[in-house]
Structures are given as structure tokens and as C-alpha cells.
């Protein structure tokens, strides 16, 4: 029932809402960047460095990366459930599922590590 939503257990409703919240956060972040770009156009390297040296922008960049990571993992999970099944791919389905998930997690880990190095 919908009462599980209030406890934030792992339910389909929770995943649905978190994907929407992450999309709104991404839209806000990229709206701020677009506003800065349009306000100070034409941009040069020193202006961009000054903008991305702001601690709040660095933290927002890390948070939007985590948001994009969650959003994309949910999409990959749905692709795996819908298209990489034994009925569609055959006996290679389990290997393909593990390979796609491993690649996705490694890609996200690398992006987070790079972003942390940018913040430091």
C-alpha cells in the first residue's frame, strides 16, 4: 500500500519518486549553468574557472553527478529487466546482465572519483 512511501522502504513508488526528484535537481543545476552562460556570454576560461571555483557550485556538481548516477542506474536496471532476459537473449542473459551492471558501476565510480578530485 502507499503507506510504505512514508517509511522510505525500497518500493516501486520510492524509486519512481527518486527518479523524478533527481531529474528536477538536474534541471535546476543545468538551468543555473545556462543562466550564467547567457548572462556572461561570451565566456572565457578565466570566467568559467571563477564560476566553478565557488564551493557551492563544486558541491552542486558532485550532487548532480550522484543524481545522474542514480537516474542512469535505474534506467539500466529497467533495460536489464526488460531486454536482457533469458527469453530474449538466451543462456548468455546472466553474463550480459552482470557485465552491463559492472560496467555501469565502474563508470559511476570513476566519475565520482574524478569529481572528488575536482572538489579538492
PDB file of N, CA and C in Angstrom:
ATOM      1  N   UNK A   1       0.835  -1.182   0.000  1.00  0.00           N
ATOM      2  CA  UNK A   1       0.000   0.000   0.000  1.00  0.00           C
ATOM      3  C   UNK A   1       0.879   1.244   0.000  1.00  0.00           C
ATOM      4  N   UNK A   2       0.294   2.379  -0.185  1.00  0.00           N
ATOM      5  CA  UNK A   2       1.025   3.634  -0.296  1.00  0.00           C
ATOM      6  C   UNK A   2       1.649   4.045   1.041  1.00  0.00           C
ATOM      7  N   UNK A   3       1.217   3.463   2.146  1.00  0.00           N
ATOM      8  CA  UNK A   3       1.781   3.836   3.445  1.00  0.00           C
ATOM      9  C   UNK A   3       3.267   3.508   3.539  1.00  0.00           C
ATOM     10  N   UNK A   4       3.773   2.594   2.738  1.00  0.00           N
ATOM     11  CA  UNK A   4       5.201   2.278   2.739  1.00  0.00           C
ATOM     12  C   UNK A   4       6.034   3.462   2.255  1.00  0.00           C
ATOM     13  N   UNK A   5       5.441   4.349   1.496  1.00  0.00           N
ATOM     14  CA  UNK A   5       6.162   5.514   0.991  1.00  0.00           C
ATOM     15  C   UNK A   5       6.659   6.386   2.137  1.00  0.00           C
ATOM     16  N   UNK A   6       5.886   6.485   3.194  1.00  0.00           N
ATOM     17  CA  UNK A   6       6.271   7.335   4.314  1.00  0.00           C
ATOM     18  C   UNK A   6       7.448   6.770   5.096  1.00  0.00           C
ATOM     19  N   UNK A   7       7.693   5.474   5.006  1.00  0.00           N
ATOM     20  CA  UNK A   7       8.833   4.873   5.701  1.00  0.00           C
ATOM     21  C   UNK A   7      10.063   4.814   4.812  1.00  0.00           C
ATOM     22  N   UNK A   8       9.956   5.205   3.564  1.00  0.00           N
ATOM     23  CA  UNK A   8      11.050   5.205   2.591  1.00  0.00           C
ATOM     24  C   UNK A   8      11.689   3.833   2.433  1.00  0.00           C
ATOM     25  N   UNK A   9      10.867   2.812   2.421  1.00  0.00           N
ATOM     26  CA  UNK A   9      11.381   1.483   2.108  1.00  0.00           C
ATOM     27  C   UNK A   9      11.601   1.387   0.609  1.00  0.00           C
ATOM     28  N   UNK A  10      12.384   0.415   0.189  1.00  0.00           N
ATOM     29  CA  UNK A  10      12.657   0.223  -1.237  1.00  0.00           C
ATOM     30  C   UNK A  10      11.407  -0.337  -1.908  1.00  0.00           C
ATOM     31  N   UNK A  11      10.620   0.549  -2.451  1.00  0.00           N
ATOM     32  CA  UNK A  11       9.421   0.150  -3.168  1.00  0.00           C
ATOM     33  C   UNK A  11       9.459   0.767  -4.551  1.00  0.00           C
ATOM     34  N   UNK A  12       8.557   0.350  -5.389  1.00  0.00           N
ATOM     35  CA  UNK A  12       8.472   0.939  -6.716  1.00  0.00           C
ATOM     36  C   UNK A  12       8.110   2.410  -6.666  1.00  0.00           C
ATOM     37  N   UNK A  13       7.287   2.789  -5.699  1.00  0.00           N
ATOM     38  CA  UNK A  13       6.891   4.190  -5.566  1.00  0.00           C
ATOM     39  C   UNK A  13       8.094   5.038  -5.165  1.00  0.00           C
ATOM     40  N   UNK A  14       8.920   4.518  -4.261  1.00  0.00           N
ATOM     41  CA  UNK A  14      10.116   5.244  -3.838  1.00  0.00           C
ATOM     42  C   UNK A  14      11.050   5.472  -5.024  1.00  0.00           C
ATOM     43  N   UNK A  15      11.294   4.427  -5.807  1.00  0.00           N
ATOM     44  CA  UNK A  15      12.165   4.558  -6.976  1.00  0.00           C
ATOM     45  C   UNK A  15      11.585   5.547  -7.982  1.00  0.00           C
ATOM     46  N   UNK A  16      10.282   5.474  -8.195  1.00  0.00           N
ATOM     47  CA  UNK A  16       9.610   6.383  -9.117  1.00  0.00           C
ATOM     48  C   UNK A  16       9.806   7.832  -8.672  1.00  0.00           C
ATOM     49  N   UNK A  17       9.582   8.103  -7.391  1.00  0.00           N
ATOM     50  CA  UNK A  17       9.721   9.470  -6.888  1.00  0.00           C
ATOM     51  C   UNK A  17      11.172   9.942  -6.911  1.00  0.00           C
ATOM     52  N   UNK A  18      12.107   9.065  -6.565  1.00  0.00           N
ATOM     53  CA  UNK A  18      13.517   9.466  -6.534  1.00  0.00           C
ATOM     54  C   UNK A  18      14.041   9.781  -7.934  1.00  0.00           C
ATOM     55  N   UNK A  19      13.583   9.051  -8.939  1.00  0.00           N
ATOM     56  CA  UNK A  19      13.987   9.362 -10.312  1.00  0.00           C
ATOM     57  C   UNK A  19      13.455  10.734 -10.699  1.00  0.00           C
ATOM     58  N   UNK A  20      12.229  11.041 -10.298  1.00  0.00           N
ATOM     59  CA  UNK A  20      11.661  12.361 -10.617  1.00  0.00           C
ATOM     60  C   UNK A  20      12.383  13.471  -9.863  1.00  0.00           C
ATOM     61  N   UNK A  21      12.694  13.241  -8.592  1.00  0.00           N
ATOM     62  CA  UNK A  21      13.412  14.244  -7.792  1.00  0.00           C
ATOM     63  C   UNK A  21      14.803  14.479  -8.371  1.00  0.00           C
ATOM     64  N   UNK A  22      15.477  13.406  -8.774  1.00  0.00           N
ATOM     65  CA  UNK A  22      16.813  13.571  -9.359  1.00  0.00           C
ATOM     66  C   UNK A  22      16.734  14.334 -10.678  1.00  0.00           C
ATOM     67  N   UNK A  23      15.684  14.109 -11.450  1.00  0.00           N
ATOM     68  CA  UNK A  23      15.522  14.839 -12.711  1.00  0.00           C
ATOM     69  C   UNK A  23      15.287  16.330 -12.456  1.00  0.00           C
ATOM     70  N   UNK A  24      14.509  16.659 -11.440  1.00  0.00           N
ATOM     71  CA  UNK A  24      14.265  18.066 -11.105  1.00  0.00           C
ATOM     72  C   UNK A  24      15.564  18.723 -10.633  1.00  0.00           C
ATOM     73  N   UNK A  25      16.340  18.011  -9.819  1.00  0.00           N
ATOM     74  CA  UNK A  25      17.615  18.555  -9.347  1.00  0.00           C
ATOM     75  C   UNK A  25      18.568  18.808 -10.514  1.00  0.00           C
ATOM     76  N   UNK A  26      18.613  17.879 -11.450  1.00  0.00           N
ATOM     77  CA  UNK A  26      19.460  18.057 -12.634  1.00  0.00           C
ATOM     78  C   UNK A  26      18.999  19.260 -13.453  1.00  0.00           C
ATOM     79  N   UNK A  27      17.698  19.410 -13.605  1.00  0.00           N
ATOM     80  CA  UNK A  27      17.167  20.542 -14.370  1.00  0.00           C
ATOM     81  C   UNK A  27      17.523  21.869 -13.702  1.00  0.00           C
ATOM     82  N   UNK A  28      17.433  21.931 -12.383  1.00  0.00           N
ATOM     83  CA  UNK A  28      17.797  23.158 -11.674  1.00  0.00           C
ATOM     84  C   UNK A  28      19.283  23.472 -11.833  1.00  0.00           C
ATOM     85  N   UNK A  29      20.120  22.462 -11.699  1.00  0.00           N
ATOM     86  CA  UNK A  29      21.570  22.660 -11.819  1.00  0.00           C
ATOM     87  C   UNK A  29      21.932  23.184 -13.205  1.00  0.00           C
ATOM     88  N   UNK A  30      21.414  22.522 -14.231  1.00  0.00           N
ATOM     89  CA  UNK A  30      21.754  22.943 -15.588  1.00  0.00           C
ATOM     90  C   UNK A  30      21.092  24.269 -15.963  1.00  0.00           C
ATOM     91  N   UNK A  31      19.985  24.611 -15.300  1.00  0.00           N
ATOM     92  CA  UNK A  31      19.382  25.931 -15.510  1.00  0.00           C
ATOM     93  C   UNK A  31      20.277  27.031 -14.955  1.00  0.00           C
ATOM     94  N   UNK A  32      20.886  26.787 -13.799  1.00  0.00           N
ATOM     95  CA  UNK A  32      21.810  27.768 -13.219  1.00  0.00           C
ATOM     96  C   UNK A  32      23.016  27.958 -14.131  1.00  0.00           C
ATOM     97  N   UNK A  33      23.564  26.868 -14.635  1.00  0.00           N
ATOM     98  CA  UNK A  33      24.722  26.965 -15.530  1.00  0.00           C
ATOM     99  C   UNK A  33      24.341  27.689 -16.822  1.00  0.00           C
ATOM    100  N   UNK A  34      23.172  27.383 -17.367  1.00  0.00           N
ATOM    101  CA  UNK A  34      22.721  28.047 -18.589  1.00  0.00           C
ATOM    102  C   UNK A  34      22.492  29.537 -18.345  1.00  0.00           C
ATOM    103  N   UNK A  35      21.909  29.877 -17.203  1.00  0.00           N
ATOM    104  CA  UNK A  35      21.698  31.285 -16.867  1.00  0.00           C
ATOM    105  C   UNK A  35      23.036  32.020 -16.787  1.00  0.00           C
ATOM    106  N   UNK A  36      24.021  31.412 -16.134  1.00  0.00           N
ATOM    107  CA  UNK A  36      25.348  32.032 -16.043  1.00  0.00           C
ATOM    108  C   UNK A  36      25.951  32.204 -17.428  1.00  0.00           C
ATOM    109  N   UNK A  37      25.820  31.195 -18.246  1.00  0.00           N
ATOM    110  CA  UNK A  37      26.371  31.243 -19.607  1.00  0.00           C
ATOM    111  C   UNK A  37      25.716  32.356 -20.423  1.00  0.00           C
ATOM    112  N   UNK A  38      24.387  32.479 -20.331  1.00  0.00           N
ATOM    113  CA  UNK A  38      23.682  33.504 -21.092  1.00  0.00           C
ATOM    114  C   UNK A  38      23.946  34.906 -20.549  1.00  0.00           C
ATOM    115  N   UNK A  39      24.143  35.017 -19.242  1.00  0.00           N
ATOM    116  CA  UNK A  39      24.376  36.323 -18.633  1.00  0.00           C
ATOM    117  C   UNK A  39      25.753  36.873 -18.963  1.00  0.00           C
ATOM    118  N   UNK A  40      26.756  36.018 -18.936  1.00  0.00           N
ATOM    119  CA  UNK A  40      28.134  36.469 -19.124  1.00  0.00           C
ATOM    120  C   UNK A  40      28.710  36.041 -20.465  1.00  0.00           C
ATOM    121  N   UNK A  41      27.868  35.916 -21.469  1.00  0.00           N
ATOM    122  CA  UNK A  41      28.321  35.496 -22.788  1.00  0.00           C
ATOM    123  C   UNK A  41      29.052  36.638 -23.475  1.00  0.00           C
ATOM    124  N   UNK A  42      30.116  36.502 -24.173  1.00  0.00           N
ATOM    125  CA  UNK A  42      30.853  35.260 -24.416  1.00  0.00           C
ATOM    126  C   UNK A  42      31.754  34.933 -23.222  1.00  0.00           C
ATOM    127  N   UNK A  43      31.786  33.669 -22.866  1.00  0.00           N
ATOM    128  CA  UNK A  43      32.581  33.214 -21.731  1.00  0.00           C
ATOM    129  C   UNK A  43      34.009  32.936 -22.160  1.00  0.00           C
ATOM    130  N   UNK A  44      34.903  33.133 -21.230  1.00  0.00           N
ATOM    131  CA  UNK A  44      36.277  32.718 -21.472  1.00  0.00           C
ATOM    132  C   UNK A  44      36.703  31.774 -20.344  1.00  0.00           C
ATOM    133  N   UNK A  45      37.904  31.284 -20.439  1.00  0.00           N
ATOM    134  CA  UNK A  45      38.388  30.271 -19.499  1.00  0.00           C
ATOM    135  C   UNK A  45      38.433  30.795 -18.066  1.00  0.00           C
ATOM    136  N   UNK A  46      38.879  32.014 -17.875  1.00  0.00           N
ATOM    137  CA  UNK A  46      39.004  32.545 -16.514  1.00  0.00           C
ATOM    138  C   UNK A  46      37.639  32.748 -15.863  1.00  0.00           C
ATOM    139  N   UNK A  47      36.639  33.132 -16.641  1.00  0.00           N
ATOM    140  CA  UNK A  47      35.289  33.266 -16.084  1.00  0.00           C
ATOM    141  C   UNK A  47      34.745  31.907 -15.652  1.00  0.00           C
ATOM    142  N   UNK A  48      34.932  30.898 -16.492  1.00  0.00           N
ATOM    143  CA  UNK A  48      34.457  29.564 -16.130  1.00  0.00           C
ATOM    144  C   UNK A  48      35.197  29.019 -14.916  1.00  0.00           C
ATOM    145  N   UNK A  49      36.492  29.246 -14.853  1.00  0.00           N
ATOM    146  CA  UNK A  49      37.264  28.797 -13.689  1.00  0.00           C
ATOM    147  C   UNK A  49      36.775  29.500 -12.425  1.00  0.00           C
ATOM    148  N   UNK A  50      36.483  30.781 -12.532  1.00  0.00           N
ATOM    149  CA  UNK A  50      35.961  31.516 -11.391  1.00  0.00           C
ATOM    150  C   UNK A  50      34.609  30.986 -10.941  1.00  0.00           C
ATOM    151  N   UNK A  51      33.762  30.661 -11.899  1.00  0.00           N
ATOM    152  CA  UNK A  51      32.437  30.132 -11.570  1.00  0.00           C
ATOM    153  C   UNK A  51      32.541  28.764 -10.913  1.00  0.00           C
ATOM    154  N   UNK A  52      33.348  27.882 -11.476  1.00  0.00           N
ATOM    155  CA  UNK A  52      33.443  26.528 -10.939  1.00  0.00           C
ATOM    156  C   UNK A  52      34.381  26.429  -9.741  1.00  0.00           C
ATOM    157  N   UNK A  53      35.047  27.521  -9.360  1.00  0.00           N
ATOM    158  CA  UNK A  53      35.833  27.537  -8.127  1.00  0.00           C
ATOM    159  C   UNK A  53      34.975  27.836  -6.905  1.00  0.00           C
ATOM    160  N   UNK A  54      33.748  28.262  -7.105  1.00  0.00           N
ATOM    161  CA  UNK A  54      32.836  28.515  -5.991  1.00  0.00           C
ATOM    162  C   UNK A  54      32.494  27.171  -5.344  1.00  0.00           C
ATOM    163  N   UNK A  55      32.638  27.100  -4.018  1.00  0.00           N
ATOM    164  CA  UNK A  55      32.437  25.834  -3.309  1.00  0.00           C
ATOM    165  C   UNK A  55      31.024  25.298  -3.501  1.00  0.00           C
ATOM    166  N   UNK A  56      30.039  26.171  -3.502  1.00  0.00           N
ATOM    167  CA  UNK A  56      28.654  25.735  -3.681  1.00  0.00           C
ATOM    168  C   UNK A  56      28.447  25.094  -5.055  1.00  0.00           C
ATOM    169  N   UNK A  57      29.101  25.617  -6.069  1.00  0.00           N
ATOM    170  CA  UNK A  57      29.000  25.035  -7.413  1.00  0.00           C
ATOM    171  C   UNK A  57      29.706  23.685  -7.450  1.00  0.00           C
ATOM    172  N   UNK A  58      30.840  23.573  -6.753  1.00  0.00           N
ATOM    173  CA  UNK A  58      31.541  22.288  -6.696  1.00  0.00           C
ATOM    174  C   UNK A  58      30.693  21.226  -6.009  1.00  0.00           C
ATOM    175  N   UNK A  59      30.074  21.591  -4.899  1.00  0.00           N
ATOM    176  CA  UNK A  59      29.212  20.645  -4.184  1.00  0.00           C
ATOM    177  C   UNK A  59      27.996  20.304  -5.037  1.00  0.00           C
ATOM    178  N   UNK A  60      27.422  21.293  -5.697  1.00  0.00           N
ATOM    179  CA  UNK A  60      26.295  21.034  -6.599  1.00  0.00           C
ATOM    180  C   UNK A  60      26.677  20.107  -7.733  1.00  0.00           C
ATOM    181  N   UNK A  61      27.906  20.250  -8.237  1.00  0.00           N
ATOM    182  CA  UNK A  61      28.378  19.373  -9.304  1.00  0.00           C
ATOM    183  C   UNK A  61      28.473  17.934  -8.815  1.00  0.00           C
ATOM    184  N   UNK A  62      28.986  17.745  -7.598  1.00  0.00           N
ATOM    185  CA  UNK A  62      29.057  16.395  -7.033  1.00  0.00           C
ATOM    186  C   UNK A  62      27.658  15.825  -6.826  1.00  0.00           C
ATOM    187  N   UNK A  63      26.754  16.640  -6.307  1.00  0.00           N
ATOM    188  CA  UNK A  63      25.392  16.159  -6.070  1.00  0.00           C
ATOM    189  C   UNK A  63      24.663  15.840  -7.369  1.00  0.00           C
ATOM    190  N   UNK A  64      24.884  16.648  -8.404  1.00  0.00           N
ATOM    191  CA  UNK A  64      24.229  16.360  -9.680  1.00  0.00           C
ATOM    192  C   UNK A  64      24.833  15.105 -10.308  1.00  0.00           C
ATOM    193  N   UNK A  65      26.113  14.853 -10.070  1.00  0.00           N
ATOM    194  CA  UNK A  65      26.712  13.618 -10.561  1.00  0.00           C
ATOM    195  C   UNK A  65      26.091  12.409  -9.870  1.00  0.00           C
ATOM    196  N   UNK A  66      25.899  12.503  -8.568  1.00  0.00           N
ATOM    197  CA  UNK A  66      25.242  11.412  -7.841  1.00  0.00           C
ATOM    198  C   UNK A  66      23.812  11.253  -8.334  1.00  0.00           C
ATOM    199  N   UNK A  67      23.146  12.361  -8.586  1.00  0.00           N
ATOM    200  CA  UNK A  67      21.780  12.325  -9.101  1.00  0.00           C
ATOM    201  C   UNK A  67      21.716  11.662 -10.475  1.00  0.00           C
ATOM    202  N   UNK A  68      22.638  12.032 -11.357  1.00  0.00           N
ATOM    203  CA  UNK A  68      22.688  11.420 -12.690  1.00  0.00           C
ATOM    204  C   UNK A  68      23.015   9.937 -12.581  1.00  0.00           C
ATOM    205  N   UNK A  69      23.900   9.591 -11.645  1.00  0.00           N
ATOM    206  CA  UNK A  69      24.267   8.189 -11.454  1.00  0.00           C
ATOM    207  C   UNK A  69      23.060   7.367 -11.018  1.00  0.00           C
ATOM    208  N   UNK A  70      22.312   7.869 -10.042  1.00  0.00           N
ATOM    209  CA  UNK A  70      21.119   7.149  -9.588  1.00  0.00           C
ATOM    210  C   UNK A  70      20.106   7.029 -10.721  1.00  0.00           C
ATOM    211  N   UNK A  71      19.895   8.124 -11.410  1.00  0.00           N
ATOM    212  CA  UNK A  71      18.931   8.157 -12.508  1.00  0.00           C
ATOM    213  C   UNK A  71      19.315   7.145 -13.599  1.00  0.00           C
ATOM    214  N   UNK A  72      20.585   7.120 -13.959  1.00  0.00           N
ATOM    215  CA  UNK A  72      21.019   6.202 -15.023  1.00  0.00           C
ATOM    216  C   UNK A  72      21.001   4.753 -14.564  1.00  0.00           C
ATOM    217  N   UNK A  73      21.340   4.498 -13.298  1.00  0.00           N
ATOM    218  CA  UNK A  73      21.285   3.116 -12.809  1.00  0.00           C
ATOM    219  C   UNK A  73      19.859   2.580 -12.807  1.00  0.00           C
ATOM    220  N   UNK A  74      18.913   3.433 -12.494  1.00  0.00           N
ATOM    221  CA  UNK A  74      17.518   2.988 -12.563  1.00  0.00           C
ATOM    222  C   UNK A  74      17.134   2.642 -14.000  1.00  0.00           C
ATOM    223  N   UNK A  75      17.587   3.452 -14.950  1.00  0.00           N
ATOM    224  CA  UNK A  75      17.316   3.164 -16.357  1.00  0.00           C
ATOM    225  C   UNK A  75      17.985   1.883 -16.818  1.00  0.00           C
ATOM    226  N   UNK A  76      19.248   1.678 -16.419  1.00  0.00           N
ATOM    227  CA  UNK A  76      19.958   0.442 -16.772  1.00  0.00           C
ATOM    228  C   UNK A  76      19.255  -0.758 -16.157  1.00  0.00           C
ATOM    229  N   UNK A  77      18.793  -0.605 -14.925  1.00  0.00           N
ATOM    230  CA  UNK A  77      18.074  -1.698 -14.260  1.00  0.00           C
ATOM    231  C   UNK A  77      16.819  -2.084 -15.049  1.00  0.00           C
ATOM    232  N   UNK A  78      16.100  -1.091 -15.539  1.00  0.00           N
ATOM    233  CA  UNK A  78      14.898  -1.381 -16.328  1.00  0.00           C
ATOM    234  C   UNK A  78      15.246  -2.021 -17.669  1.00  0.00           C
ATOM    235  N   UNK A  79      16.328  -1.578 -18.291  1.00  0.00           N
ATOM    236  CA  UNK A  79      16.760  -2.195 -19.552  1.00  0.00           C
ATOM    237  C   UNK A  79      17.129  -3.651 -19.329  1.00  0.00           C
ATOM    238  N   UNK A  80      17.848  -3.915 -18.246  1.00  0.00           N
ATOM    239  CA  UNK A  80      18.240  -5.299 -17.943  1.00  0.00           C
ATOM    240  C   UNK A  80      17.008  -6.158 -17.700  1.00  0.00           C
ATOM    241  N   UNK A  81      16.062  -5.649 -16.920  1.00  0.00           N
ATOM    242  CA  UNK A  81      14.855  -6.426 -16.637  1.00  0.00           C
ATOM    243  C   UNK A  81      14.006  -6.665 -17.880  1.00  0.00           C
ATOM    244  N   UNK A  82      13.972  -5.697 -18.787  1.00  0.00           N
ATOM    245  CA  UNK A  82      13.097  -5.812 -19.951  1.00  0.00           C
ATOM    246  C   UNK A  82      13.732  -6.531 -21.131  1.00  0.00           C
ATOM    247  N   UNK A  83      15.022  -6.307 -21.372  1.00  0.00           N
ATOM    248  CA  UNK A  83      15.616  -6.775 -22.622  1.00  0.00           C
ATOM    249  C   UNK A  83      16.700  -7.833 -22.468  1.00  0.00           C
ATOM    250  N   UNK A  84      17.346  -7.921 -21.333  1.00  0.00           N
ATOM    251  CA  UNK A  84      18.403  -8.916 -21.164  1.00  0.00           C
ATOM    252  C   UNK A  84      17.892 -10.122 -20.380  1.00  0.00           C
ATOM    253  N   UNK A  85      16.773 -10.634 -20.793  1.00  0.00           N
ATOM    254  CA  UNK A  85      16.190 -11.800 -20.141  1.00  0.00           C
ATOM    255  C   UNK A  85      16.571 -13.059 -20.901  1.00  0.00           C
ATOM    256  N   UNK A  86      16.389 -14.182 -20.253  1.00  0.00           N
ATOM    257  CA  UNK A  86      16.720 -15.454 -20.894  1.00  0.00           C
ATOM    258  C   UNK A  86      15.815 -15.715 -22.091  1.00  0.00           C
ATOM    259  N   UNK A  87      14.585 -15.241 -22.035  1.00  0.00           N
ATOM    260  CA  UNK A  87      13.668 -15.437 -23.155  1.00  0.00           C
ATOM    261  C   UNK A  87      14.119 -14.666 -24.398  1.00  0.00           C
ATOM    262  N   UNK A  88      14.756 -13.530 -24.214  1.00  0.00           N
ATOM    263  CA  UNK A  88      15.180 -12.711 -25.353  1.00  0.00           C
ATOM    264  C   UNK A  88      16.598 -13.014 -25.818  1.00  0.00           C
ATOM    265  N   UNK A  89      17.513 -13.231 -24.877  1.00  0.00           N
ATOM    266  CA  UNK A  89      18.926 -13.352 -25.228  1.00  0.00           C
ATOM    267  C   UNK A  89      19.423 -14.787 -25.141  1.00  0.00           C
ATOM    268  N   UNK A  90      18.735 -15.607 -24.406  1.00  0.00           N
ATOM    269  CA  UNK A  90      19.166 -16.997 -24.265  1.00  0.00           C
ATOM    270  C   UNK A  90      20.029 -17.188 -23.030  1.00  0.00           C
ATOM    271  N   UNK A  91      20.911 -18.169 -23.108  1.00  0.00           N
ATOM    272  CA  UNK A  91      21.711 -18.528 -21.934  1.00  0.00           C
ATOM    273  C   UNK A  91      22.762 -17.475 -21.582  1.00  0.00           C
ATOM    274  N   UNK A  92      23.032 -16.558 -22.464  1.00  0.00           N
ATOM    275  CA  UNK A  92      24.019 -15.507 -22.185  1.00  0.00           C
ATOM    276  C   UNK A  92      23.426 -14.365 -21.366  1.00  0.00           C
ATOM    277  N   UNK A  93      22.162 -14.460 -21.010  1.00  0.00           N
ATOM    278  CA  UNK A  93      21.500 -13.339 -20.344  1.00  0.00           C
ATOM    279  C   UNK A  93      22.137 -13.006 -18.999  1.00  0.00           C
ATOM    280  N   UNK A  94      22.450 -14.004 -18.196  1.00  0.00           N
ATOM    281  CA  UNK A  94      23.028 -13.737 -16.874  1.00  0.00           C
ATOM    282  C   UNK A  94      24.396 -13.057 -17.009  1.00  0.00           C
ATOM    283  N   UNK A  95      25.224 -13.542 -17.931  1.00  0.00           N
ATOM    284  CA  UNK A  95      26.533 -12.928 -18.164  1.00  0.00           C
ATOM    285  C   UNK A  95      26.381 -11.484 -18.635  1.00  0.00           C
ATOM    286  N   UNK A  96      25.445 -11.236 -19.541  1.00  0.00           N
ATOM    287  CA  UNK A  96      25.227  -9.877 -20.043  1.00  0.00           C
ATOM    288  C   UNK A  96      24.709  -8.948 -18.948  1.00  0.00           C
ATOM    289  N   UNK A  97      23.817  -9.459 -18.101  1.00  0.00           N
ATOM    290  CA  UNK A  97      23.298  -8.644 -17.004  1.00  0.00           C
ATOM    291  C   UNK A  97      24.414  -8.213 -16.063  1.00  0.00           C
ATOM    292  N   UNK A  98      25.256  -9.166 -15.678  1.00  0.00           N
ATOM    293  CA  UNK A  98      26.359  -8.858 -14.770  1.00  0.00           C
ATOM    294  C   UNK A  98      27.356  -7.920 -15.439  1.00  0.00           C
ATOM    295  N   UNK A  99      27.636  -8.140 -16.714  1.00  0.00           N
ATOM    296  CA  UNK A  99      28.590  -7.288 -17.435  1.00  0.00           C
ATOM    297  C   UNK A  99      28.096  -5.848 -17.527  1.00  0.00           C
ATOM    298  N   UNK A 100      26.838  -5.664 -17.873  1.00  0.00           N
ATOM    299  CA  UNK A 100      26.283  -4.310 -18.005  1.00  0.00           C
ATOM    300  C   UNK A 100      26.273  -3.600 -16.654  1.00  0.00           C
ATOM    301  N   UNK A 101      25.859  -4.303 -15.598  1.00  0.00           N
ATOM    302  CA  UNK A 101      25.847  -3.686 -14.276  1.00  0.00           C
ATOM    303  C   UNK A 101      27.252  -3.346 -13.791  1.00  0.00           C
ATOM    304  N   UNK A 102      28.199  -4.252 -14.007  1.00  0.00           N
ATOM    305  CA  UNK A 102      29.578  -3.997 -13.594  1.00  0.00           C
ATOM    306  C   UNK A 102      30.144  -2.788 -14.323  1.00  0.00           C
ATOM    307  N   UNK A 103      29.930  -2.723 -15.620  1.00  0.00           N
ATOM    308  CA  UNK A 103      30.411  -1.576 -16.396  1.00  0.00           C
ATOM    309  C   UNK A 103      29.776  -0.280 -15.901  1.00  0.00           C
ATOM    310  N   UNK A 104      28.486  -0.311 -15.611  1.00  0.00           N
ATOM    311  CA  UNK A 104      27.786   0.888 -15.140  1.00  0.00           C
ATOM    312  C   UNK A 104      28.340   1.351 -13.799  1.00  0.00           C
ATOM    313  N   UNK A 105      28.531   0.413 -12.869  1.00  0.00           N
ATOM    314  CA  UNK A 105      29.057   0.782 -11.558  1.00  0.00           C
ATOM    315  C   UNK A 105      30.491   1.301 -11.648  1.00  0.00           C
ATOM    316  N   UNK A 106      31.318   0.693 -12.480  1.00  0.00           N
ATOM    317  CA  UNK A 106      32.692   1.167 -12.639  1.00  0.00           C
ATOM    318  C   UNK A 106      32.731   2.565 -13.248  1.00  0.00           C
ATOM    319  N   UNK A 107      31.854   2.809 -14.200  1.00  0.00           N
ATOM    320  CA  UNK A 107      31.788   4.128 -14.825  1.00  0.00           C
ATOM    321  C   UNK A 107      31.371   5.192 -13.806  1.00  0.00           C
ATOM    322  N   UNK A 108      30.396   4.873 -12.985  1.00  0.00           N
ATOM    323  CA  UNK A 108      29.934   5.821 -11.971  1.00  0.00           C
ATOM    324  C   UNK A 108      31.009   6.036 -10.913  1.00  0.00           C
ATOM    325  N   UNK A 109      31.689   4.970 -10.510  1.00  0.00           N
ATOM    326  CA  UNK A 109      32.768   5.100  -9.535  1.00  0.00           C
ATOM    327  C   UNK A 109      33.875   6.007 -10.063  1.00  0.00           C
ATOM    328  N   UNK A 110      34.250   5.827 -11.311  1.00  0.00           N
ATOM    329  CA  UNK A 110      35.270   6.683 -11.910  1.00  0.00           C
ATOM    330  C   UNK A 110      34.842   8.135 -11.973  1.00  0.00           C
ATOM    331  N   UNK A 111      33.587   8.375 -12.311  1.00  0.00           N
ATOM    332  CA  UNK A 111      33.090   9.754 -12.382  1.00  0.00           C
ATOM    333  C   UNK A 111      33.074  10.405 -11.007  1.00  0.00           C
ATOM    334  N   UNK A 112      32.680   9.665  -9.983  1.00  0.00           N
ATOM    335  CA  UNK A 112      32.652  10.220  -8.628  1.00  0.00           C
ATOM    336  C   UNK A 112      34.068  10.503  -8.136  1.00  0.00           C
ATOM    337  N   UNK A 113      35.004   9.605  -8.408  1.00  0.00           N
ATOM    338  CA  UNK A 113      36.395   9.834  -8.005  1.00  0.00           C
ATOM    339  C   UNK A 113      36.945  11.083  -8.688  1.00  0.00           C
ATOM    340  N   UNK A 114      36.684  11.234  -9.980  1.00  0.00           N
ATOM    341  CA  UNK A 114      37.155  12.432 -10.697  1.00  0.00           C
ATOM    342  C   UNK A 114      36.533  13.698 -10.128  1.00  0.00           C
ATOM    343  N   UNK A 115      35.255  13.653  -9.781  1.00  0.00           N
ATOM    344  CA  UNK A 115      34.594  14.826  -9.228  1.00  0.00           C
ATOM    345  C   UNK A 115      35.153  15.179  -7.857  1.00  0.00           C
ATOM    346  N   UNK A 116      35.462  14.171  -7.049  1.00  0.00           N
ATOM    347  CA  UNK A 116      36.058  14.439  -5.738  1.00  0.00           C
ATOM    348  C   UNK A 116      37.419  15.096  -5.908  1.00  0.00           C
ATOM    349  N   UNK A 117      38.204  14.646  -6.884  1.00  0.00           N
ATOM    350  CA  UNK A 117      39.494  15.290  -7.141  1.00  0.00           C
ATOM    351  C   UNK A 117      39.316  16.730  -7.606  1.00  0.00           C
ATOM    352  N   UNK A 118      38.252  17.010  -8.323  1.00  0.00           N
ATOM    353  CA  UNK A 118      37.988  18.384  -8.758  1.00  0.00           C
ATOM    354  C   UNK A 118      37.640  19.266  -7.561  1.00  0.00           C
ATOM    355  N   UNK A 119      36.878  18.724  -6.619  1.00  0.00           N
ATOM    356  CA  UNK A 119      36.472  19.500  -5.444  1.00  0.00           C
ATOM    357  C   UNK A 119      37.666  19.796  -4.546  1.00  0.00           C
ATOM    358  N   UNK A 120      38.563  18.841  -4.421  1.00  0.00           N
ATOM    359  CA  UNK A 120      39.724  19.020  -3.526  1.00  0.00           C
ATOM    360  C   UNK A 120      40.680  19.965  -4.100  1.00  0.00           C
TER     361      UNK A 120
END
